[in-house]
Protein backbone atom coordinates (compact mmCIF):
# COMPACT_ATOMS: atom_id res chain seq x y z
CA UNK A 1 -28.18 47.91 42.18
CA UNK A 2 -24.61 46.53 41.14
CA UNK A 3 -23.23 48.14 44.60
CA UNK A 4 -25.70 46.58 46.69
CA UNK A 5 -25.21 43.16 45.52
CA UNK A 6 -21.53 43.23 45.59
CA UNK A 7 -21.62 44.64 48.92
CA UNK A 8 -23.63 41.13 49.70
CA UNK A 9 -21.49 38.91 47.96
CA UNK A 10 -19.39 40.21 45.15
CA UNK A 11 -19.82 36.43 43.48
CA UNK A 12 -23.42 37.15 43.47
CA UNK A 13 -22.79 40.03 40.90
CA UNK A 14 -20.81 37.65 38.56
CA UNK A 15 -23.32 35.16 38.78
CA UNK A 16 -26.27 37.88 37.50
CA UNK A 17 -23.92 39.45 35.20
CA UNK A 18 -22.60 36.25 33.35
CA UNK A 19 -25.70 33.95 34.13
CA UNK A 20 -26.01 31.23 36.65
CA UNK A 21 -23.15 28.23 36.93
CA UNK A 22 -23.96 25.14 35.95
CA UNK A 23 -21.97 22.16 37.66
CA UNK A 24 -20.03 19.87 35.07
CA UNK A 25 -18.11 17.19 34.48
CA UNK A 26 -15.75 16.47 31.48
CA UNK A 27 -16.41 12.86 29.84
CA UNK A 28 -14.03 11.90 27.22
CA UNK A 29 -13.29 15.42 26.23
CA UNK A 30 -17.11 16.45 26.32
CA UNK A 31 -18.14 19.13 28.86
CA UNK A 32 -21.89 18.06 30.04
CA UNK A 33 -23.93 19.18 33.25
CA UNK A 34 -23.54 16.89 35.92
CA UNK A 35 -26.75 15.00 37.06
CA UNK A 36 -28.03 15.66 41.00
CA UNK A 37 -27.11 12.44 42.43
CA UNK A 38 -22.90 13.68 41.07
CA UNK A 39 -23.29 17.09 43.07
CA UNK A 40 -20.32 17.58 45.54
CA UNK A 41 -20.16 20.10 48.39
CA UNK A 42 -18.64 22.89 45.76
CA UNK A 43 -21.33 21.91 43.33
CA UNK A 44 -23.85 22.68 45.87
CA UNK A 45 -22.54 25.80 47.23
CA UNK A 46 -22.34 26.96 43.52
CA UNK A 47 -25.91 26.34 43.16
CA UNK A 48 -26.64 27.92 46.36
CA UNK A 49 -25.05 31.17 45.22
CA UNK A 50 -27.26 30.83 42.07
CA UNK A 51 -29.97 30.54 44.28
CA UNK A 52 -29.40 33.49 46.18
CA UNK A 53 -28.49 35.67 43.16
CA UNK A 54 -32.42 34.97 41.90
CA UNK A 55 -33.46 36.02 45.41
CA UNK A 56 -31.69 39.33 45.46
CA UNK A 57 -32.68 40.09 42.21
CA UNK A 58 -36.53 39.55 42.97
CA UNK A 59 -36.04 41.52 46.09
CA UNK A 60 -34.77 44.87 44.03
CA UNK A 61 -36.74 44.82 41.16
CA UNK A 62 -40.21 46.36 41.73
CA UNK A 63 -42.97 45.03 39.62
CA UNK A 64 -43.32 46.95 36.56
CA UNK A 65 -39.15 46.48 36.11
CA UNK A 66 -39.87 42.51 36.27
CA UNK A 67 -42.70 42.46 33.56
CA UNK A 68 -40.39 44.61 31.33
CA UNK A 69 -37.51 41.74 31.79
CA UNK A 70 -39.90 39.15 32.21
CA UNK A 71 -41.23 40.27 28.72
CA UNK A 72 -37.66 40.46 27.25
CA UNK A 73 -36.93 37.29 28.75
CA UNK A 74 -39.58 35.67 26.31
CA UNK A 75 -38.82 37.33 23.61
CA UNK A 76 -35.05 36.40 23.43
CA UNK A 77 -36.68 32.86 24.14
CA UNK A 78 -38.96 32.68 21.07
CA UNK A 79 -35.82 34.66 19.28
CA UNK A 80 -33.47 30.90 20.13
CA UNK A 81 -36.08 29.02 19.21
CA UNK A 82 -36.70 30.64 15.73
CA UNK A 83 -33.10 30.37 15.36
CA UNK A 84 -32.71 26.99 16.60
CA UNK A 85 -35.60 26.18 13.91
CA UNK A 86 -33.29 27.53 11.33
CA UNK A 87 -30.19 25.56 12.49
CA UNK A 88 -32.04 22.25 12.16
CA UNK A 89 -33.59 22.76 9.19
CA UNK A 90 -30.68 24.43 7.43
CA UNK A 91 -30.08 23.72 3.71
CA UNK A 92 -28.13 25.08 1.14
CA UNK A 93 -30.44 26.90 -1.72
CA UNK A 94 -30.45 26.16 -5.20
CA UNK A 95 -29.38 29.61 -5.76
CA UNK A 96 -26.73 30.02 -3.13
CA UNK A 97 -23.29 29.63 -3.52
CA UNK A 98 -21.10 27.85 -1.04
CA UNK A 99 -19.88 31.19 0.70
CA UNK A 100 -23.32 33.06 0.56
CA UNK A 101 -24.65 29.45 2.73
CA UNK A 102 -21.74 29.72 4.67
CA UNK A 103 -22.25 32.99 5.55
CA UNK A 104 -25.85 32.20 5.95
CA UNK A 105 -25.49 29.51 8.42
CA UNK A 106 -22.88 31.48 10.44
CA UNK A 107 -24.96 34.17 11.09
CA UNK A 108 -27.70 31.85 12.77
CA UNK A 109 -24.98 30.13 14.59
CA UNK A 110 -23.27 33.36 15.80
CA UNK A 111 -27.16 34.78 16.27
CA UNK A 112 -27.57 31.40 18.99
CA UNK A 113 -23.82 32.08 20.12
CA UNK A 114 -24.90 35.71 21.16
CA UNK A 115 -28.02 34.76 22.64
CA UNK A 116 -26.29 32.37 25.24
CA UNK A 117 -26.57 29.29 22.94
CA UNK A 118 -23.70 27.54 21.98
CA UNK A 119 -23.10 24.05 19.70
CA UNK A 120 -19.33 21.83 19.69
CA UNK A 121 -18.15 22.23 16.69
């Protein structure tokens, strides 16, 4: 499948491996996604490649594989939601040392980062 997709367009393979590309802008040192009315021609080409990558994946993945992928995606989304909830409600427990608390918080943040959710410092 990798060779098939790379033969169509190598950028498609990069999008599939690394995830979809989102047009971004930097405002006062903060990187944020662009709104649709801010898209330029390059942004639209990028979004077209995202759509093309999805189309190719739907084309080459059979129903059984799609259901397996969909199931895993749902599990990942549930895990992300749980970790975000833990992060939002994070407190230091009475029996925790500062070191233990920091380790606990870092574990949550690293887990989110590993699942593709990053938070600025």
